[in-house]
Amino acid sequence: LWRTGAVDDARRELGRSVTLARQAHALPIAAASLNHLGNLAADQGDVRAAHAAWQESLTLARQAPDPALIAAVLINQARLAVQERDARTVEILLAEATRQTETLPAGHDQAYHLLAIGHLHRSLPGTAAQHAQAMQHFTTAAAVARQVSDLRSLSYALGYQGQVREEQGQSAEALTLYRQAVFAAQEIDAPELLYRWQWQIGRLLTAQGDRNGAILAYQQAIANVQAIRQDLAADRQQPAAASFGTQLG
C-alpha cells in the first residue's frame, strides 16, 4: 500500500498490525510494525511521530530481545539524524547499532547492517576518521558476505570500498575494487549493481587516458541501465522513504 502511494491505508494497516501483535503478545511483530510506522512518518516529514514510533519499537525489540531489529531501528534513527545534521547523535546511534550488529550470526542481515552503518559514516563531515570507520565496516561486511556466499552484499561491500578509496585519491586500488564488485554482481546477474560499478570504472579509465577501456565500460553500464529502465522508472514514482529501511540503493 505504501509503495503504491496509499499512505493513509498503509498507516492504518500497520496500526492494526501493532494492535493485533500486542494482543497476541508477539513483541517482535509489534516492534517491526512500529519500525515501519516510523519509516512512513519520516517519509511524510512527521519527525515527532517517527521518533515516537521508533522509540516504542526499540523498547519492544529490547524486551524480545531482537538485536537485528534493534540495529535496524537505530540505523533508521541515524539516517534521520544525518538529515538533521546532528553528527553527534548519528555517532551515538551508530555505535550502539554496531554493538548490536556484532552480536548477530554471520548472514545477510549482519552484512547489510554493516553496509548501512558504513554508508552513514561516509555521510558525516569528511574526516579521515569517518572514512576509516566506513572502510572498516565495508571490509567486515565483505568478509561476512564471502563467509555466507552472499554475492549481492559482497558486490555492495566491494563497490563501497572502491568509493572510499577513490575519495582518498587511491585510484588504482579503487579500480581494482570496482572490478571485483562487477565480478560479484555478474555471478548473480544483477544489472542494477553492474551499471553502478561499470560507470565508476569508466570514469576512472577516462581519467587515466584509457579511452577504449572507458568506452567499453560505459557501453556495458548503458546496456545494464537499459535492462532495468522500467524498474528505475517505477522506483522514481515510489515514496522516497523506503530509504529508511535497511535496503541499500
C-alpha atoms as a PDB file:
ATOM      1  CA  LEU A   1       0.000   0.000   0.000  1.00  0.00           C
ATOM      2  CA  TRP A   2       2.798   2.398   0.871  1.00  0.00           C
ATOM      3  CA  ARG A   3       4.663   1.734  -2.351  1.00  0.00           C
ATOM      4  CA  THR A   4       1.519   2.351  -4.392  1.00  0.00           C
ATOM      5  CA  GLY A   5       1.053   5.725  -2.714  1.00  0.00           C
ATOM      6  CA  ALA A   6      -1.836   4.753  -0.416  1.00  0.00           C
ATOM      7  CA  VAL A   7      -0.073   6.188   2.627  1.00  0.00           C
ATOM      8  CA  ASP A   8      -3.137   6.541   4.855  1.00  0.00           C
ATOM      9  CA  ASP A   9      -4.164   2.940   4.157  1.00  0.00           C
ATOM     10  CA  ALA A  10      -0.630   1.755   4.857  1.00  0.00           C
ATOM     11  CA  ARG A  11      -0.565   3.622   8.166  1.00  0.00           C
ATOM     12  CA  ARG A  12      -3.911   2.123   9.157  1.00  0.00           C
ATOM     13  CA  GLU A  13      -2.821  -1.439   8.336  1.00  0.00           C
ATOM     14  CA  LEU A  14       0.444  -1.026  10.235  1.00  0.00           C
ATOM     15  CA  GLY A  15      -1.521   0.284  13.205  1.00  0.00           C
ATOM     16  CA  ARG A  16      -3.764  -2.786  13.060  1.00  0.00           C
ATOM     17  CA  SER A  17      -0.677  -4.972  12.944  1.00  0.00           C
ATOM     18  CA  VAL A  18       0.678  -3.370  16.103  1.00  0.00           C
ATOM     19  CA  THR A  19      -2.653  -3.818  17.907  1.00  0.00           C
ATOM     20  CA  LEU A  20      -3.034  -7.465  16.912  1.00  0.00           C
ATOM     21  CA  ALA A  21       0.583  -8.239  17.757  1.00  0.00           C
ATOM     22  CA  ARG A  22       0.199  -6.711  21.205  1.00  0.00           C
ATOM     23  CA  GLN A  23      -2.961  -8.747  21.810  1.00  0.00           C
ATOM     24  CA  ALA A  24      -1.075 -11.892  20.821  1.00  0.00           C
ATOM     25  CA  HIS A  25       1.973 -10.864  22.917  1.00  0.00           C
ATOM     26  CA  ALA A  26       4.048 -11.066  19.726  1.00  0.00           C
ATOM     27  CA  LEU A  27       6.609  -8.422  20.642  1.00  0.00           C
ATOM     28  CA  PRO A  28       8.897  -8.850  17.582  1.00  0.00           C
ATOM     29  CA  ILE A  29       5.965  -8.338  15.200  1.00  0.00           C
ATOM     30  CA  ALA A  30       4.730  -5.274  17.080  1.00  0.00           C
ATOM     31  CA  ALA A  31       8.261  -3.862  17.145  1.00  0.00           C
ATOM     32  CA  ALA A  32       8.736  -4.471  13.400  1.00  0.00           C
ATOM     33  CA  SER A  33       5.428  -2.789  12.560  1.00  0.00           C
ATOM     34  CA  LEU A  34       6.302   0.206  14.729  1.00  0.00           C
ATOM     35  CA  ASN A  35       9.625   0.474  12.918  1.00  0.00           C
ATOM     36  CA  HIS A  36       7.739   0.618   9.611  1.00  0.00           C
ATOM     37  CA  LEU A  37       5.392   3.227  11.055  1.00  0.00           C
ATOM     38  CA  GLY A  38       8.427   5.297  11.989  1.00  0.00           C
ATOM     39  CA  ASN A  39       9.772   4.956   8.455  1.00  0.00           C
ATOM     40  CA  LEU A  40       6.449   6.041   6.996  1.00  0.00           C
ATOM     41  CA  ALA A  41       6.216   9.043   9.327  1.00  0.00           C
ATOM     42  CA  ALA A  42       9.771  10.078   8.457  1.00  0.00           C
ATOM     43  CA  ASP A  43       8.909   9.872   4.766  1.00  0.00           C
ATOM     44  CA  GLN A  44       5.939  12.180   5.350  1.00  0.00           C
ATOM     45  CA  GLY A  45       8.091  14.668   7.246  1.00  0.00           C
ATOM     46  CA  ASP A  46       6.487  13.966  10.616  1.00  0.00           C
ATOM     47  CA  VAL A  47       9.688  13.809  12.643  1.00  0.00           C
ATOM     48  CA  ARG A  48       7.966  13.706  16.027  1.00  0.00           C
ATOM     49  CA  ALA A  49       5.791  10.731  15.053  1.00  0.00           C
ATOM     50  CA  ALA A  50       8.818   8.971  13.537  1.00  0.00           C
ATOM     51  CA  HIS A  51      10.834   9.318  16.728  1.00  0.00           C
ATOM     52  CA  ALA A  52       7.901   8.174  18.870  1.00  0.00           C
ATOM     53  CA  ALA A  53       7.287   5.057  16.770  1.00  0.00           C
ATOM     54  CA  TRP A  54      10.964   4.157  16.623  1.00  0.00           C
ATOM     55  CA  GLN A  55      11.411   4.627  20.363  1.00  0.00           C
ATOM     56  CA  GLU A  56       8.459   2.348  21.080  1.00  0.00           C
ATOM     57  CA  SER A  57       9.833  -0.152  18.571  1.00  0.00           C
ATOM     58  CA  LEU A  58      13.196  -0.109  20.347  1.00  0.00           C
ATOM     59  CA  THR A  59      11.557  -0.721  23.720  1.00  0.00           C
ATOM     60  CA  LEU A  60       9.706  -3.788  22.435  1.00  0.00           C
ATOM     61  CA  ALA A  61      12.671  -5.065  20.411  1.00  0.00           C
ATOM     62  CA  ARG A  62      14.848  -4.923  23.531  1.00  0.00           C
ATOM     63  CA  GLN A  63      12.222  -6.788  25.524  1.00  0.00           C
ATOM     64  CA  ALA A  64      12.033  -9.508  22.849  1.00  0.00           C
ATOM     65  CA  PRO A  65      15.122  -9.321  22.546  1.00  0.00           C
ATOM     66  CA  ASP A  66      15.773  -8.913  18.803  1.00  0.00           C
ATOM     67  CA  PRO A  67      19.244  -7.464  18.100  1.00  0.00           C
ATOM     68  CA  ALA A  68      18.720  -7.434  14.318  1.00  0.00           C
ATOM     69  CA  LEU A  69      15.637  -5.253  14.674  1.00  0.00           C
ATOM     70  CA  ILE A  70      17.272  -3.098  17.339  1.00  0.00           C
ATOM     71  CA  ALA A  71      20.113  -2.394  14.927  1.00  0.00           C
ATOM     72  CA  ALA A  72      17.686  -1.664  12.084  1.00  0.00           C
ATOM     73  CA  VAL A  73      15.764   0.892  14.145  1.00  0.00           C
ATOM     74  CA  LEU A  74      18.957   2.577  15.339  1.00  0.00           C
ATOM     75  CA  ILE A  75      20.153   2.815  11.735  1.00  0.00           C
ATOM     76  CA  ASN A  76      16.849   4.392  10.706  1.00  0.00           C
ATOM     77  CA  GLN A  77      17.141   6.905  13.533  1.00  0.00           C
ATOM     78  CA  ALA A  78      20.688   7.669  12.455  1.00  0.00           C
ATOM     79  CA  ARG A  79      19.568   8.323   8.866  1.00  0.00           C
ATOM     80  CA  LEU A  80      17.123  10.925  10.116  1.00  0.00           C
ATOM     81  CA  ALA A  81      19.803  12.449  12.346  1.00  0.00           C
ATOM     82  CA  VAL A  82      22.048  12.740   9.279  1.00  0.00           C
ATOM     83  CA  GLN A  83      19.300  14.687   7.513  1.00  0.00           C
ATOM     84  CA  GLU A  84      19.024  16.921  10.573  1.00  0.00           C
ATOM     85  CA  ARG A  85      22.828  17.422  10.519  1.00  0.00           C
ATOM     86  CA  ASP A  86      23.134  16.123  14.089  1.00  0.00           C
ATOM     87  CA  ALA A  87      26.516  14.415  13.758  1.00  0.00           C
ATOM     88  CA  ARG A  88      26.900  13.700  17.483  1.00  0.00           C
ATOM     89  CA  THR A  89      23.590  11.833  17.640  1.00  0.00           C
ATOM     90  CA  VAL A  90      24.490   9.928  14.484  1.00  0.00           C
ATOM     91  CA  GLU A  91      27.722   8.716  16.052  1.00  0.00           C
ATOM     92  CA  ILE A  92      25.981   7.617  19.269  1.00  0.00           C
ATOM     93  CA  LEU A  93      23.288   5.717  17.359  1.00  0.00           C
ATOM     94  CA  LEU A  94      25.776   4.072  15.014  1.00  0.00           C
ATOM     95  CA  ALA A  95      27.994   2.978  17.898  1.00  0.00           C
ATOM     96  CA  GLU A  96      25.072   1.138  19.508  1.00  0.00           C
ATOM     97  CA  ALA A  97      23.910  -0.224  16.144  1.00  0.00           C
ATOM     98  CA  THR A  98      27.401  -1.602  15.606  1.00  0.00           C
ATOM     99  CA  ARG A  99      27.384  -3.329  19.001  1.00  0.00           C
ATOM    100  CA  GLN A 100      24.033  -4.947  18.231  1.00  0.00           C
ATOM    101  CA  THR A 101      25.142  -5.987  14.737  1.00  0.00           C
ATOM    102  CA  GLU A 102      28.286  -7.629  16.105  1.00  0.00           C
ATOM    103  CA  THR A 103      26.095  -9.998  18.154  1.00  0.00           C
ATOM    104  CA  LEU A 104      24.304 -11.309  15.064  1.00  0.00           C
ATOM    105  CA  PRO A 105      25.286 -14.576  13.404  1.00  0.00           C
ATOM    106  CA  ALA A 106      27.124 -14.220  10.101  1.00  0.00           C
ATOM    107  CA  GLY A 107      24.493 -13.739   7.432  1.00  0.00           C
ATOM    108  CA  HIS A 108      22.627 -11.367   5.164  1.00  0.00           C
ATOM    109  CA  ASP A 109      21.240  -9.198   7.984  1.00  0.00           C
ATOM    110  CA  GLN A 110      24.637  -8.719   9.561  1.00  0.00           C
ATOM    111  CA  ALA A 111      26.261  -7.848   6.231  1.00  0.00           C
ATOM    112  CA  TYR A 112      23.551  -5.359   5.272  1.00  0.00           C
ATOM    113  CA  HIS A 113      23.561  -3.659   8.668  1.00  0.00           C
ATOM    114  CA  LEU A 114      27.332  -3.265   8.418  1.00  0.00           C
ATOM    115  CA  LEU A 115      26.964  -1.766   4.948  1.00  0.00           C
ATOM    116  CA  ALA A 116      24.296   0.671   6.149  1.00  0.00           C
ATOM    117  CA  ILE A 117      26.397   1.720   9.135  1.00  0.00           C
ATOM    118  CA  GLY A 118      29.444   2.253   6.949  1.00  0.00           C
ATOM    119  CA  HIS A 119      27.421   4.223   4.420  1.00  0.00           C
ATOM    120  CA  LEU A 120      26.174   6.549   7.168  1.00  0.00           C
ATOM    121  CA  HIS A 121      29.699   7.100   8.473  1.00  0.00           C
ATOM    122  CA  ARG A 122      30.639   8.233   4.966  1.00  0.00           C
ATOM    123  CA  SER A 123      27.821  10.780   5.041  1.00  0.00           C
ATOM    124  CA  LEU A 124      29.226  12.533   8.110  1.00  0.00           C
ATOM    125  CA  PRO A 125      31.562  15.532   7.738  1.00  0.00           C
ATOM    126  CA  GLY A 126      34.509  14.331   5.704  1.00  0.00           C
ATOM    127  CA  THR A 127      37.230  13.369   8.114  1.00  0.00           C
ATOM    128  CA  ALA A 128      39.863  10.681   7.895  1.00  0.00           C
ATOM    129  CA  ALA A 129      38.370   9.043  10.988  1.00  0.00           C
ATOM    130  CA  GLN A 130      34.919   8.706   9.386  1.00  0.00           C
ATOM    131  CA  HIS A 131      36.456   7.292   6.201  1.00  0.00           C
ATOM    132  CA  ALA A 132      38.421   4.794   8.288  1.00  0.00           C
ATOM    133  CA  GLN A 133      35.307   3.675  10.163  1.00  0.00           C
ATOM    134  CA  ALA A 134      33.341   3.345   6.933  1.00  0.00           C
ATOM    135  CA  MET A 135      36.124   1.288   5.379  1.00  0.00           C
ATOM    136  CA  GLN A 136      36.281  -0.963   8.430  1.00  0.00           C
ATOM    137  CA  HIS A 137      32.563  -1.702   8.232  1.00  0.00           C
ATOM    138  CA  PHE A 138      32.670  -2.303   4.476  1.00  0.00           C
ATOM    139  CA  THR A 139      35.648  -4.646   4.869  1.00  0.00           C
ATOM    140  CA  THR A 140      33.893  -6.614   7.629  1.00  0.00           C
ATOM    141  CA  ALA A 141      30.722  -6.762   5.530  1.00  0.00           C
ATOM    142  CA  ALA A 142      32.722  -8.184   2.636  1.00  0.00           C
ATOM    143  CA  ALA A 143      34.201 -10.860   4.898  1.00  0.00           C
ATOM    144  CA  VAL A 144      30.748 -11.814   6.207  1.00  0.00           C
ATOM    145  CA  ALA A 145      29.335 -11.888   2.682  1.00  0.00           C
ATOM    146  CA  ARG A 146      32.110 -14.201   1.499  1.00  0.00           C
ATOM    147  CA  GLN A 147      31.586 -16.453   4.505  1.00  0.00           C
ATOM    148  CA  VAL A 148      27.896 -16.977   3.692  1.00  0.00           C
ATOM    149  CA  SER A 149      28.221 -16.698  -0.125  1.00  0.00           C
ATOM    150  CA  ASP A 150      26.033 -13.568  -0.260  1.00  0.00           C
ATOM    151  CA  LEU A 151      27.265 -12.151  -3.557  1.00  0.00           C
ATOM    152  CA  ARG A 152      24.872  -9.203  -3.596  1.00  0.00           C
ATOM    153  CA  SER A 153      26.162  -7.971  -0.240  1.00  0.00           C
ATOM    154  CA  LEU A 154      29.707  -8.670  -1.411  1.00  0.00           C
ATOM    155  CA  SER A 155      29.240  -6.554  -4.532  1.00  0.00           C
ATOM    156  CA  TYR A 156      27.961  -3.649  -2.454  1.00  0.00           C
ATOM    157  CA  ALA A 157      30.789  -4.003   0.056  1.00  0.00           C
ATOM    158  CA  LEU A 158      33.486  -4.039  -2.616  1.00  0.00           C
ATOM    159  CA  GLY A 159      31.907  -1.183  -4.556  1.00  0.00           C
ATOM    160  CA  TYR A 160      31.580   0.971  -1.452  1.00  0.00           C
ATOM    161  CA  GLN A 161      35.203   0.224  -0.553  1.00  0.00           C
ATOM    162  CA  GLY A 162      36.100   1.394  -4.046  1.00  0.00           C
ATOM    163  CA  GLN A 163      34.229   4.658  -3.494  1.00  0.00           C
ATOM    164  CA  VAL A 164      36.122   5.319  -0.267  1.00  0.00           C
ATOM    165  CA  ARG A 165      39.463   4.598  -1.925  1.00  0.00           C
ATOM    166  CA  GLU A 166      38.546   6.871  -4.826  1.00  0.00           C
ATOM    167  CA  GLU A 167      37.652   9.677  -2.407  1.00  0.00           C
ATOM    168  CA  GLN A 168      41.048   9.165  -0.774  1.00  0.00           C
ATOM    169  CA  GLY A 169      42.767   9.577  -4.140  1.00  0.00           C
ATOM    170  CA  GLN A 170      43.756   5.911  -4.448  1.00  0.00           C
ATOM    171  CA  SER A 171      42.503   5.424  -7.997  1.00  0.00           C
ATOM    172  CA  ALA A 172      44.356   2.195  -8.760  1.00  0.00           C
ATOM    173  CA  GLU A 173      43.018   0.430  -5.674  1.00  0.00           C
ATOM    174  CA  ALA A 174      39.545   1.838  -6.316  1.00  0.00           C
ATOM    175  CA  LEU A 175      39.584   0.467  -9.861  1.00  0.00           C
ATOM    176  CA  THR A 176      40.537  -2.990  -8.602  1.00  0.00           C
ATOM    177  CA  LEU A 177      37.717  -2.950  -6.054  1.00  0.00           C
ATOM    178  CA  TYR A 178      35.143  -1.784  -8.627  1.00  0.00           C
ATOM    179  CA  ARG A 179      36.175  -4.627 -10.936  1.00  0.00           C
ATOM    180  CA  GLN A 180      35.815  -7.131  -8.098  1.00  0.00           C
ATOM    181  CA  ALA A 181      32.353  -5.667  -7.353  1.00  0.00           C
ATOM    182  CA  VAL A 182      31.414  -6.146 -11.019  1.00  0.00           C
ATOM    183  CA  PHE A 183      32.560  -9.755 -10.924  1.00  0.00           C
ATOM    184  CA  ALA A 184      30.418 -10.497  -7.858  1.00  0.00           C
ATOM    185  CA  ALA A 185      27.386  -8.825  -9.489  1.00  0.00           C
ATOM    186  CA  GLN A 186      27.923 -10.793 -12.700  1.00  0.00           C
ATOM    187  CA  GLU A 187      27.808 -14.028 -10.719  1.00  0.00           C
ATOM    188  CA  ILE A 188      24.215 -13.292  -9.728  1.00  0.00           C
ATOM    189  CA  ASP A 189      23.233 -11.440 -12.932  1.00  0.00           C
ATOM    190  CA  ALA A 190      22.418  -8.186 -11.126  1.00  0.00           C
ATOM    191  CA  PRO A 191      22.291  -5.363 -13.712  1.00  0.00           C
ATOM    192  CA  GLU A 192      21.085  -2.933 -11.034  1.00  0.00           C
ATOM    193  CA  LEU A 193      24.512  -3.332  -9.413  1.00  0.00           C
ATOM    194  CA  LEU A 194      26.592  -3.779 -12.547  1.00  0.00           C
ATOM    195  CA  TYR A 195      25.848  -0.375 -14.033  1.00  0.00           C
ATOM    196  CA  ARG A 196      26.846   1.383 -10.799  1.00  0.00           C
ATOM    197  CA  TRP A 197      30.340  -0.051 -10.760  1.00  0.00           C
ATOM    198  CA  GLN A 198      30.826  -0.054 -14.551  1.00  0.00           C
ATOM    199  CA  TRP A 199      30.056   3.655 -14.606  1.00  0.00           C
ATOM    200  CA  GLN A 200      32.671   4.247 -11.913  1.00  0.00           C
ATOM    201  CA  ILE A 201      35.187   2.168 -13.853  1.00  0.00           C
ATOM    202  CA  GLY A 202      34.518   4.243 -16.967  1.00  0.00           C
ATOM    203  CA  ARG A 203      35.203   7.467 -15.074  1.00  0.00           C
ATOM    204  CA  LEU A 204      38.489   6.191 -13.659  1.00  0.00           C
ATOM    205  CA  LEU A 205      39.666   4.854 -17.010  1.00  0.00           C
ATOM    206  CA  THR A 206      38.814   8.183 -18.628  1.00  0.00           C
ATOM    207  CA  ALA A 207      40.952   9.963 -16.041  1.00  0.00           C
ATOM    208  CA  GLN A 208      43.794   7.538 -16.787  1.00  0.00           C
ATOM    209  CA  GLY A 209      43.575   8.214 -20.512  1.00  0.00           C
ATOM    210  CA  ASP A 210      42.332   4.711 -21.401  1.00  0.00           C
ATOM    211  CA  ARG A 211      39.728   5.885 -23.906  1.00  0.00           C
ATOM    212  CA  ASN A 212      38.884   2.465 -25.339  1.00  0.00           C
ATOM    213  CA  GLY A 213      38.548   0.865 -21.912  1.00  0.00           C
ATOM    214  CA  ALA A 214      36.360   3.722 -20.723  1.00  0.00           C
ATOM    215  CA  ILE A 215      34.071   3.475 -23.756  1.00  0.00           C
ATOM    216  CA  LEU A 216      33.630  -0.250 -23.184  1.00  0.00           C
ATOM    217  CA  ALA A 217      32.810   0.274 -19.507  1.00  0.00           C
ATOM    218  CA  TYR A 218      30.280   2.997 -20.347  1.00  0.00           C
ATOM    219  CA  GLN A 219      28.688   0.813 -23.037  1.00  0.00           C
ATOM    220  CA  GLN A 220      28.305  -2.015 -20.551  1.00  0.00           C
ATOM    221  CA  ALA A 221      26.808   0.368 -17.981  1.00  0.00           C
ATOM    222  CA  ILE A 222      24.315   1.699 -20.535  1.00  0.00           C
ATOM    223  CA  ALA A 223      23.293  -1.826 -21.545  1.00  0.00           C
ATOM    224  CA  ASN A 224      22.571  -2.698 -17.925  1.00  0.00           C
ATOM    225  CA  VAL A 225      20.626   0.523 -17.343  1.00  0.00           C
ATOM    226  CA  GLN A 226      18.538  -0.284 -20.408  1.00  0.00           C
ATOM    227  CA  ALA A 227      17.829  -3.741 -18.965  1.00  0.00           C
ATOM    228  CA  ILE A 228      16.304  -2.254 -15.812  1.00  0.00           C
ATOM    229  CA  ARG A 229      14.962   1.021 -17.213  1.00  0.00           C
ATOM    230  CA  GLN A 230      11.341   0.166 -16.427  1.00  0.00           C
ATOM    231  CA  ASP A 231      12.253  -0.754 -12.856  1.00  0.00           C
ATOM    232  CA  LEU A 232      14.125   2.530 -12.414  1.00  0.00           C
ATOM    233  CA  ALA A 233      11.152   4.483 -13.747  1.00  0.00           C
ATOM    234  CA  ALA A 234       8.856   2.673 -11.315  1.00  0.00           C
ATOM    235  CA  ASP A 235      11.204   3.382  -8.393  1.00  0.00           C
ATOM    236  CA  ARG A 236      11.128   7.115  -9.164  1.00  0.00           C
ATOM    237  CA  GLN A 237       7.378   7.008  -8.677  1.00  0.00           C
ATOM    238  CA  GLN A 238       7.634   5.304  -5.291  1.00  0.00           C
ATOM    239  CA  PRO A 239       7.775   7.051  -1.921  1.00  0.00           C
ATOM    240  CA  ALA A 240      11.283   8.277  -1.200  1.00  0.00           C
ATOM    241  CA  ALA A 241      11.085   6.977   2.278  1.00  0.00           C
ATOM    242  CA  ALA A 242      11.793   3.453   1.691  1.00  0.00           C
ATOM    243  CA  SER A 243      15.343   4.774   2.121  1.00  0.00           C
ATOM    244  CA  PHE A 244      14.709   4.485   5.858  1.00  0.00           C
ATOM    245  CA  GLY A 245      14.686   0.710   5.531  1.00  0.00           C
ATOM    246  CA  THR A 246      17.799  -1.391   5.636  1.00  0.00           C
ATOM    247  CA  GLN A 247      17.861  -1.875   1.887  1.00  0.00           C
ATOM    248  CA  LEU A 248      20.755  -0.330   0.087  1.00  0.00           C
ATOM    249  CA  GLY A 249      20.448   1.607  -3.081  1.00  0.00           C
END
